Amino acid sequence: MDVSLVWRKSSHSGADNGDCVEVADGVPGLVPVRDSKAPGGPVLTFTADQWRPFAAALGRSRRLAS
């Protein structure tokens, strides 16, 4: 994965910046994802078609946990 990616933290990360997911834009057709607490660690790469249902499922599970 290109180390020059610009990462952005999830808007759901909370005030304490605990369990956070970061996503990078700018890779055509792909969505790179990493753990913000381990920026040098592994990066998961989803296709856009894989990312949409994954992100939607995360949103549903977050609403159920609230």
PDB file of N, CA and C in Angstrom:
ATOM      1  N   MET A   1       0.849  -1.174   0.000  1.00  0.00           N
ATOM      2  CA  MET A   1       0.000   0.000   0.000  1.00  0.00           C
ATOM      3  C   MET A   1       0.892   1.233   0.000  1.00  0.00           C
ATOM      4  N   ASP A   2       0.517   2.231  -0.759  1.00  0.00           N
ATOM      5  CA  ASP A   2       1.289   3.469  -0.887  1.00  0.00           C
ATOM      6  C   ASP A   2       1.305   4.223   0.438  1.00  0.00           C
ATOM      7  N   VAL A   3       2.501   4.533   0.951  1.00  0.00           N
ATOM      8  CA  VAL A   3       2.609   5.215   2.242  1.00  0.00           C
ATOM      9  C   VAL A   3       2.226   6.682   2.168  1.00  0.00           C
ATOM     10  N   SER A   4       1.992   7.216   0.975  1.00  0.00           N
ATOM     11  CA  SER A   4       1.627   8.620   0.844  1.00  0.00           C
ATOM     12  C   SER A   4       0.115   8.849   0.929  1.00  0.00           C
ATOM     13  N   LEU A   5      -0.634   7.838   1.280  1.00  0.00           N
ATOM     14  CA  LEU A   5      -2.083   7.995   1.410  1.00  0.00           C
ATOM     15  C   LEU A   5      -2.414   8.989   2.517  1.00  0.00           C
ATOM     16  N   VAL A   6      -3.503   9.716   2.321  1.00  0.00           N
ATOM     17  CA  VAL A   6      -3.996  10.629   3.353  1.00  0.00           C
ATOM     18  C   VAL A   6      -5.154   9.922   4.039  1.00  0.00           C
ATOM     19  N   TRP A   7      -4.968   9.663   5.335  1.00  0.00           N
ATOM     20  CA  TRP A   7      -5.945   8.905   6.109  1.00  0.00           C
ATOM     21  C   TRP A   7      -6.877   9.847   6.847  1.00  0.00           C
ATOM     22  N   ARG A   8      -8.140   9.432   6.983  1.00  0.00           N
ATOM     23  CA  ARG A   8      -9.101  10.194   7.783  1.00  0.00           C
ATOM     24  C   ARG A   8      -9.765   9.250   8.768  1.00  0.00           C
ATOM     25  N   LYS A   9      -9.978   9.764   9.963  1.00  0.00           N
ATOM     26  CA  LYS A   9     -10.551   8.963  11.042  1.00  0.00           C
ATOM     27  C   LYS A   9     -12.070   8.931  10.922  1.00  0.00           C
ATOM     28  N   SER A  10     -12.653   7.844  11.348  1.00  0.00           N
ATOM     29  CA  SER A  10     -14.103   7.710  11.348  1.00  0.00           C
ATOM     30  C   SER A  10     -14.743   8.807  12.179  1.00  0.00           C
ATOM     31  N   SER A  11     -15.856   9.312  11.709  1.00  0.00           N
ATOM     32  CA  SER A  11     -16.594  10.329  12.467  1.00  0.00           C
ATOM     33  C   SER A  11     -17.228   9.730  13.717  1.00  0.00           C
ATOM     34  N   HIS A  12     -17.236   8.416  13.833  1.00  0.00           N
ATOM     35  CA  HIS A  12     -17.812   7.736  14.995  1.00  0.00           C
ATOM     36  C   HIS A  12     -16.745   7.335  16.009  1.00  0.00           C
ATOM     37  N   SER A  13     -15.561   7.910  15.916  1.00  0.00           N
ATOM     38  CA  SER A  13     -14.462   7.481  16.783  1.00  0.00           C
ATOM     39  C   SER A  13     -14.631   7.929  18.221  1.00  0.00           C
ATOM     40  N   GLY A  14     -15.431   8.937  18.471  1.00  0.00           N
ATOM     41  CA  GLY A  14     -15.682   9.382  19.838  1.00  0.00           C
ATOM     42  C   GLY A  14     -14.643  10.369  20.330  1.00  0.00           C
ATOM     43  N   ALA A  15     -14.942  10.989  21.455  1.00  0.00           N
ATOM     44  CA  ALA A  15     -14.094  12.041  22.009  1.00  0.00           C
ATOM     45  C   ALA A  15     -12.757  11.513  22.512  1.00  0.00           C
ATOM     46  N   ASP A  16     -12.731  10.275  23.010  1.00  0.00           N
ATOM     47  CA  ASP A  16     -11.480   9.750  23.573  1.00  0.00           C
ATOM     48  C   ASP A  16     -10.570   9.117  22.522  1.00  0.00           C
ATOM     49  N   ASN A  17     -11.024   9.117  21.264  1.00  0.00           N
ATOM     50  CA  ASN A  17     -10.245   8.543  20.157  1.00  0.00           C
ATOM     51  C   ASN A  17      -9.807   7.113  20.439  1.00  0.00           C
ATOM     52  N   GLY A  18     -10.681   6.345  21.048  1.00  0.00           N
ATOM     53  CA  GLY A  18     -10.367   4.955  21.386  1.00  0.00           C
ATOM     54  C   GLY A  18     -10.291   4.055  20.177  1.00  0.00           C
ATOM     55  N   ASP A  19     -11.254   3.180  20.026  1.00  0.00           N
ATOM     56  CA  ASP A  19     -11.264   2.221  18.924  1.00  0.00           C
ATOM     57  C   ASP A  19     -11.655   2.939  17.640  1.00  0.00           C
ATOM     58  N   CYS A  20     -10.669   3.223  16.815  1.00  0.00           N
ATOM     59  CA  CYS A  20     -10.913   4.028  15.618  1.00  0.00           C
ATOM     60  C   CYS A  20     -10.478   3.302  14.359  1.00  0.00           C
ATOM     61  N   VAL A  21     -11.228   3.576  13.336  1.00  0.00           N
ATOM     62  CA  VAL A  21     -10.903   3.079  12.004  1.00  0.00           C
ATOM     63  C   VAL A  21     -10.575   4.283  11.144  1.00  0.00           C
ATOM     64  N   GLU A  22      -9.531   4.165  10.340  1.00  0.00           N
ATOM     65  CA  GLU A  22      -9.182   5.208   9.391  1.00  0.00           C
ATOM     66  C   GLU A  22      -9.336   4.659   7.983  1.00  0.00           C
ATOM     67  N   VAL A  23      -9.777   5.539   7.092  1.00  0.00           N
ATOM     68  CA  VAL A  23      -9.992   5.191   5.691  1.00  0.00           C
ATOM     69  C   VAL A  23      -9.211   6.180   4.842  1.00  0.00           C
ATOM     70  N   ALA A  24      -8.656   5.708   3.749  1.00  0.00           N
ATOM     71  CA  ALA A  24      -7.936   6.584   2.828  1.00  0.00           C
ATOM     72  C   ALA A  24      -8.709   6.673   1.517  1.00  0.00           C
ATOM     73  N   ASP A  25      -8.759   7.865   0.964  1.00  0.00           N
ATOM     74  CA  ASP A  25      -9.362   8.095  -0.348  1.00  0.00           C
ATOM     75  C   ASP A  25      -8.247   8.182  -1.391  1.00  0.00           C
ATOM     76  N   GLY A  26      -8.630   8.171  -2.629  1.00  0.00           N
ATOM     77  CA  GLY A  26      -7.674   8.429  -3.687  1.00  0.00           C
ATOM     78  C   GLY A  26      -7.104   7.209  -4.379  1.00  0.00           C
ATOM     79  N   VAL A  27      -7.574   6.020  -4.005  1.00  0.00           N
ATOM     80  CA  VAL A  27      -7.137   4.812  -4.697  1.00  0.00           C
ATOM     81  C   VAL A  27      -8.318   4.354  -5.551  1.00  0.00           C
ATOM     82  N   PRO A  28      -8.251   4.576  -6.841  1.00  0.00           N
ATOM     83  CA  PRO A  28      -9.408   4.273  -7.693  1.00  0.00           C
ATOM     84  C   PRO A  28      -9.930   2.850  -7.515  1.00  0.00           C
ATOM     85  N   GLY A  29     -11.219   2.761  -7.171  1.00  0.00           N
ATOM     86  CA  GLY A  29     -11.882   1.474  -7.028  1.00  0.00           C
ATOM     87  C   GLY A  29     -11.609   0.725  -5.742  1.00  0.00           C
ATOM     88  N   LEU A  30     -10.741   1.272  -4.868  1.00  0.00           N
ATOM     89  CA  LEU A  30     -10.397   0.585  -3.625  1.00  0.00           C
ATOM     90  C   LEU A  30     -10.602   1.485  -2.419  1.00  0.00           C
ATOM     91  N   VAL A  31     -10.858   0.852  -1.271  1.00  0.00           N
ATOM     92  CA  VAL A  31     -11.006   1.560  -0.005  1.00  0.00           C
ATOM     93  C   VAL A  31     -10.025   0.949   0.996  1.00  0.00           C
ATOM     94  N   PRO A  32      -8.869   1.591   1.219  1.00  0.00           N
ATOM     95  CA  PRO A  32      -7.922   1.111   2.231  1.00  0.00           C
ATOM     96  C   PRO A  32      -8.415   1.475   3.634  1.00  0.00           C
ATOM     97  N   VAL A  33      -8.301   0.541   4.575  1.00  0.00           N
ATOM     98  CA  VAL A  33      -8.791   0.728   5.942  1.00  0.00           C
ATOM     99  C   VAL A  33      -7.704   0.251   6.898  1.00  0.00           C
ATOM    100  N   ARG A  34      -7.499   1.000   8.017  1.00  0.00           N
ATOM    101  CA  ARG A  34      -6.518   0.589   9.019  1.00  0.00           C
ATOM    102  C   ARG A  34      -6.994   0.985  10.412  1.00  0.00           C
ATOM    103  N   ASP A  35      -6.347   0.437  11.415  1.00  0.00           N
ATOM    104  CA  ASP A  35      -6.587   0.768  12.815  1.00  0.00           C
ATOM    105  C   ASP A  35      -5.763   2.008  13.140  1.00  0.00           C
ATOM    106  N   SER A  36      -6.402   3.057  13.636  1.00  0.00           N
ATOM    107  CA  SER A  36      -5.684   4.306  13.912  1.00  0.00           C
ATOM    108  C   SER A  36      -4.642   4.157  15.021  1.00  0.00           C
ATOM    109  N   LYS A  37      -4.826   3.164  15.884  1.00  0.00           N
ATOM    110  CA  LYS A  37      -3.867   2.951  16.969  1.00  0.00           C
ATOM    111  C   LYS A  37      -2.609   2.239  16.485  1.00  0.00           C
ATOM    112  N   ALA A  38      -2.651   1.703  15.270  1.00  0.00           N
ATOM    113  CA  ALA A  38      -1.502   0.975  14.709  1.00  0.00           C
ATOM    114  C   ALA A  38      -1.287   1.418  13.264  1.00  0.00           C
ATOM    115  N   PRO A  39      -0.928   2.689  13.060  1.00  0.00           N
ATOM    116  CA  PRO A  39      -0.818   3.210  11.687  1.00  0.00           C
ATOM    117  C   PRO A  39       0.223   2.497  10.831  1.00  0.00           C
ATOM    118  N   GLY A  40       1.187   1.858  11.446  1.00  0.00           N
ATOM    119  CA  GLY A  40       2.174   1.110  10.687  1.00  0.00           C
ATOM    120  C   GLY A  40       1.800  -0.344  10.494  1.00  0.00           C
ATOM    121  N   GLY A  41       0.654  -0.712  11.019  1.00  0.00           N
ATOM    122  CA  GLY A  41       0.209  -2.106  10.953  1.00  0.00           C
ATOM    123  C   GLY A  41      -0.455  -2.441   9.633  1.00  0.00           C
ATOM    124  N   PRO A  42      -1.161  -3.542   9.614  1.00  0.00           N
ATOM    125  CA  PRO A  42      -1.776  -4.001   8.365  1.00  0.00           C
ATOM    126  C   PRO A  42      -2.879  -3.071   7.876  1.00  0.00           C
ATOM    127  N   VAL A  43      -3.068  -3.095   6.583  1.00  0.00           N
ATOM    128  CA  VAL A  43      -4.127  -2.326   5.923  1.00  0.00           C
ATOM    129  C   VAL A  43      -5.043  -3.318   5.222  1.00  0.00           C
ATOM    130  N   LEU A  44      -6.331  -3.220   5.500  1.00  0.00           N
ATOM    131  CA  LEU A  44      -7.319  -4.010   4.766  1.00  0.00           C
ATOM    132  C   LEU A  44      -7.712  -3.205   3.536  1.00  0.00           C
ATOM    133  N   THR A  45      -7.873  -3.863   2.420  1.00  0.00           N
ATOM    134  CA  THR A  45      -8.281  -3.170   1.199  1.00  0.00           C
ATOM    135  C   THR A  45      -9.553  -3.810   0.680  1.00  0.00           C
ATOM    136  N   PHE A  46     -10.592  -2.994   0.583  1.00  0.00           N
ATOM    137  CA  PHE A  46     -11.884  -3.426   0.064  1.00  0.00           C
ATOM    138  C   PHE A  46     -12.084  -2.837  -1.320  1.00  0.00           C
ATOM    139  N   THR A  47     -12.826  -3.527  -2.164  1.00  0.00           N
ATOM    140  CA  THR A  47     -13.310  -2.876  -3.374  1.00  0.00           C
ATOM    141  C   THR A  47     -14.468  -1.982  -2.934  1.00  0.00           C
ATOM    142  N   ALA A  48     -14.825  -1.040  -3.764  1.00  0.00           N
ATOM    143  CA  ALA A  48     -15.956  -0.171  -3.421  1.00  0.00           C
ATOM    144  C   ALA A  48     -17.229  -0.999  -3.233  1.00  0.00           C
ATOM    145  N   ASP A  49     -17.415  -2.019  -4.063  1.00  0.00           N
ATOM    146  CA  ASP A  49     -18.606  -2.874  -3.948  1.00  0.00           C
ATOM    147  C   ASP A  49     -18.612  -3.686  -2.657  1.00  0.00           C
ATOM    148  N   GLN A  50     -17.451  -4.033  -2.140  1.00  0.00           N
ATOM    149  CA  GLN A  50     -17.365  -4.743  -0.859  1.00  0.00           C
ATOM    150  C   GLN A  50     -17.545  -3.781   0.316  1.00  0.00           C
ATOM    151  N   TRP A  51     -17.027  -2.569   0.191  1.00  0.00           N
ATOM    152  CA  TRP A  51     -17.038  -1.603   1.283  1.00  0.00           C
ATOM    153  C   TRP A  51     -18.447  -1.144   1.640  1.00  0.00           C
ATOM    154  N   ARG A  52     -19.280  -0.880   0.635  1.00  0.00           N
ATOM    155  CA  ARG A  52     -20.625  -0.346   0.901  1.00  0.00           C
ATOM    156  C   ARG A  52     -21.421  -1.223   1.866  1.00  0.00           C
ATOM    157  N   PRO A  53     -21.599  -2.512   1.598  1.00  0.00           N
ATOM    158  CA  PRO A  53     -22.370  -3.331   2.549  1.00  0.00           C
ATOM    159  C   PRO A  53     -21.665  -3.512   3.891  1.00  0.00           C
ATOM    160  N   PHE A  54     -20.331  -3.549   3.882  1.00  0.00           N
ATOM    161  CA  PHE A  54     -19.578  -3.668   5.131  1.00  0.00           C
ATOM    162  C   PHE A  54     -19.825  -2.445   6.015  1.00  0.00           C
ATOM    163  N   ALA A  55     -19.701  -1.246   5.441  1.00  0.00           N
ATOM    164  CA  ALA A  55     -19.925  -0.015   6.200  1.00  0.00           C
ATOM    165  C   ALA A  55     -21.380   0.088   6.664  1.00  0.00           C
ATOM    166  N   ALA A  56     -22.303  -0.328   5.820  1.00  0.00           N
ATOM    167  CA  ALA A  56     -23.713  -0.302   6.208  1.00  0.00           C
ATOM    168  C   ALA A  56     -23.971  -1.238   7.385  1.00  0.00           C
ATOM    169  N   ALA A  57     -23.362  -2.418   7.368  1.00  0.00           N
ATOM    170  CA  ALA A  57     -23.532  -3.371   8.474  1.00  0.00           C
ATOM    171  C   ALA A  57     -22.934  -2.810   9.761  1.00  0.00           C
ATOM    172  N   LEU A  58     -21.791  -2.137   9.664  1.00  0.00           N
ATOM    173  CA  LEU A  58     -21.212  -1.511  10.854  1.00  0.00           C
ATOM    174  C   LEU A  58     -22.148  -0.457  11.426  1.00  0.00           C
ATOM    175  N   GLY A  59     -22.754   0.324  10.556  1.00  0.00           N
ATOM    176  CA  GLY A  59     -23.696   1.348  11.013  1.00  0.00           C
ATOM    177  C   GLY A  59     -24.891   0.736  11.717  1.00  0.00           C
ATOM    178  N   ARG A  60     -25.402  -0.383  11.170  1.00  0.00           N
ATOM    179  CA  ARG A  60     -26.538  -1.055  11.806  1.00  0.00           C
ATOM    180  C   ARG A  60     -26.158  -1.596  13.167  1.00  0.00           C
ATOM    181  N   SER A  61     -24.978  -2.212  13.278  1.00  0.00           N
ATOM    182  CA  SER A  61     -24.578  -2.793  14.562  1.00  0.00           C
ATOM    183  C   SER A  61     -24.322  -1.700  15.586  1.00  0.00           C
ATOM    184  N   ARG A  62     -23.828  -0.560  15.166  1.00  0.00           N
ATOM    185  CA  ARG A  62     -23.608   0.568  16.084  1.00  0.00           C
ATOM    186  C   ARG A  62     -24.938   1.081  16.624  1.00  0.00           C
ATOM    187  N   ARG A  63     -25.940   1.181  15.745  1.00  0.00           N
ATOM    188  CA  ARG A  63     -27.253   1.654  16.196  1.00  0.00           C
ATOM    189  C   ARG A  63     -27.891   0.659  17.160  1.00  0.00           C
ATOM    190  N   LEU A  64     -27.693  -0.621  16.921  1.00  0.00           N
ATOM    191  CA  LEU A  64     -28.254  -1.650  17.808  1.00  0.00           C
ATOM    192  C   LEU A  64     -27.584  -1.622  19.176  1.00  0.00           C
ATOM    193  N   ALA A  65     -26.312  -1.270  19.223  1.00  0.00           N
ATOM    194  CA  ALA A  65     -25.576  -1.241  20.497  1.00  0.00           C
ATOM    195  C   ALA A  65     -25.916  -0.003  21.318  1.00  0.00           C
ATOM    196  N   SER A  66     -26.486   1.016  20.700  1.00  0.00           N
ATOM    197  CA  SER A  66     -26.792   2.276  21.424  1.00  0.00           C
ATOM    198  C   SER A  66     -28.008   2.144  22.299  1.00  0.00           C
TER     199      SER A  66
END
